[in-house]
Amino acid sequence: QVQLVESGGGLVQTGGSLRLYCAASERIDRFAAMGWYRQAPGKQRELLAIVTRGGYSTYVDSVKGRFTISRDSAKNTVLLEMDSLKPEDTAVYYCAARTVVEWDTWGQGTQVPVST
């Protein structure tokens, strides 16, 4: 079974930047799309950004213009570049893969606390 491993999380100040990496144990081209979710304390997990096999990307409004998702099929990695971070971005961030319709493969998550 494919494994997704996130890295790059850590404490960052308001207005700062962070790069989150997702490394897959198999070719990411087998998935229709790769995505990043987050779950803040006491809140539901929310989908932030998607990049399809063809390279098309979409974002939730709260991160549009601040976050950028990209994929490197040669390295089987997915990157989430986060700029202008806010305290409300504090959450555990998860990488996920969608085979057809369902997001059926998940990483273990990486914490991103944003200090005021």
Protein backbone atom coordinates (compact mmCIF):
# COMPACT_ATOMS: atom_id res chain seq x y z
CA GLN A 1 0.00 0.00 0.00
CA VAL A 2 1.29 3.43 -0.91
CA GLN A 3 2.60 5.59 1.91
CA LEU A 4 2.60 9.38 2.10
CA VAL A 5 5.05 11.10 4.43
CA GLU A 6 4.80 14.80 5.20
CA SER A 7 7.69 16.96 6.38
CA GLY A 8 8.56 20.61 6.77
CA GLY A 9 6.16 21.60 9.52
CA GLY A 10 7.16 23.62 12.53
CA LEU A 11 6.67 26.84 14.43
CA VAL A 12 6.49 29.97 12.28
CA GLN A 13 5.71 33.60 13.03
CA THR A 14 2.74 35.50 11.64
CA GLY A 15 3.61 36.73 8.17
CA GLY A 16 6.23 34.05 7.70
CA SER A 17 6.58 31.28 5.14
CA LEU A 18 6.87 27.53 5.30
CA ARG A 19 7.29 24.73 2.79
CA LEU A 20 5.54 21.41 3.36
CA TYR A 21 6.69 18.34 1.48
CA CYS A 22 4.84 15.11 0.80
CA ALA A 23 6.87 12.11 -0.33
CA ALA A 24 5.05 9.13 -1.84
CA SER A 25 6.35 5.58 -1.80
CA GLU A 26 4.93 4.99 -5.28
CA ARG A 27 4.49 6.95 -8.47
CA ILE A 28 2.08 9.81 -7.85
CA ASP A 29 1.00 9.71 -11.48
CA ARG A 30 -1.14 6.70 -10.59
CA PHE A 31 -3.40 9.06 -8.65
CA ALA A 32 -5.99 11.29 -10.27
CA ALA A 33 -5.07 14.07 -7.86
CA MET A 34 -2.93 14.96 -4.87
CA GLY A 35 -4.05 17.35 -2.18
CA TRP A 36 -3.35 19.05 1.10
CA TYR A 37 -5.82 19.14 3.96
CA ARG A 38 -5.57 20.66 7.40
CA GLN A 39 -7.33 20.21 10.70
CA ALA A 40 -7.29 22.93 13.30
CA PRO A 41 -8.01 22.19 16.98
CA GLY A 42 -11.72 21.64 17.49
CA LYS A 43 -12.51 21.93 13.78
CA GLN A 44 -13.22 19.57 10.94
CA ARG A 45 -10.58 18.62 8.44
CA GLU A 46 -10.73 20.91 5.41
CA LEU A 47 -9.39 20.56 1.90
CA LEU A 48 -6.98 23.38 1.05
CA ALA A 49 -5.49 22.66 -2.33
CA ILE A 50 -5.57 20.08 -5.11
CA VAL A 51 -3.26 19.40 -8.01
CA THR A 52 -4.44 16.95 -10.64
CA ARG A 53 -2.42 14.47 -12.64
CA GLY A 54 -2.52 16.97 -15.48
CA GLY A 55 -1.15 19.76 -13.30
CA TYR A 56 -4.37 21.72 -12.78
CA SER A 57 -4.55 23.25 -9.30
CA THR A 58 -7.40 24.64 -7.22
CA TYR A 59 -7.54 26.27 -3.78
CA VAL A 60 -9.99 27.03 -1.04
CA ASP A 61 -10.66 30.77 -0.81
CA SER A 62 -8.99 31.17 2.59
CA VAL A 63 -5.56 30.25 1.18
CA LYS A 64 -5.88 31.47 -2.41
CA GLY A 65 -3.02 33.80 -3.27
CA ARG A 66 -1.00 32.72 -0.22
CA PHE A 67 -0.52 28.97 -0.75
CA THR A 68 0.81 27.20 -3.83
CA ILE A 69 0.61 23.48 -4.52
CA SER A 70 2.86 21.75 -6.99
CA ARG A 71 3.90 18.22 -7.90
CA ASP A 72 7.11 16.64 -9.09
CA SER A 73 6.27 13.36 -10.78
CA ALA A 74 9.93 12.46 -11.23
CA LYS A 75 10.54 12.65 -7.50
CA ASN A 76 7.04 11.53 -6.46
CA THR A 77 6.64 14.54 -4.23
CA VAL A 78 4.02 17.21 -3.66
CA LEU A 79 4.93 20.62 -2.29
CA LEU A 80 2.76 23.13 -0.47
CA GLU A 81 4.33 26.57 -0.33
CA MET A 82 2.72 28.72 2.34
CA ASP A 83 3.31 32.46 2.53
CA SER A 84 1.86 35.28 4.64
CA LEU A 85 0.91 32.81 7.35
CA LYS A 86 -1.70 33.82 9.90
CA PRO A 87 -2.51 32.48 13.37
CA GLU A 88 -5.68 30.94 11.93
CA ASP A 89 -3.49 28.76 9.69
CA THR A 90 -2.42 26.87 12.81
CA ALA A 91 -3.34 23.23 12.22
CA VAL A 92 -2.11 19.76 11.47
CA TYR A 93 -1.51 19.54 7.72
CA TYR A 94 -2.11 16.30 5.83
CA CYS A 95 -1.13 15.15 2.39
CA ALA A 96 -3.68 12.99 0.59
CA ALA A 97 -4.09 11.11 -2.67
CA ARG A 98 -7.24 10.55 -4.68
CA THR A 99 -7.38 7.41 -6.78
CA VAL A 100 -10.65 8.08 -8.59
CA VAL A 101 -13.30 9.78 -6.47
CA GLU A 102 -12.32 9.16 -2.86
CA TRP A 103 -9.37 10.64 -0.98
CA ASP A 104 -8.25 7.19 0.09
CA THR A 105 -4.61 7.57 1.03
CA TRP A 106 -3.37 9.85 3.81
CA GLY A 107 -0.15 10.86 5.44
CA GLN A 108 0.36 11.02 9.18
CA GLY A 109 0.24 14.82 9.29
CA THR A 110 2.68 17.55 10.24
CA GLN A 111 2.02 20.32 12.75
CA VAL A 112 2.16 23.97 11.80
CA PRO A 113 1.76 26.37 14.72
CA VAL A 114 1.70 30.04 13.73
CA SER A 115 2.62 32.41 16.54
CA THR A 116 1.23 35.93 16.95
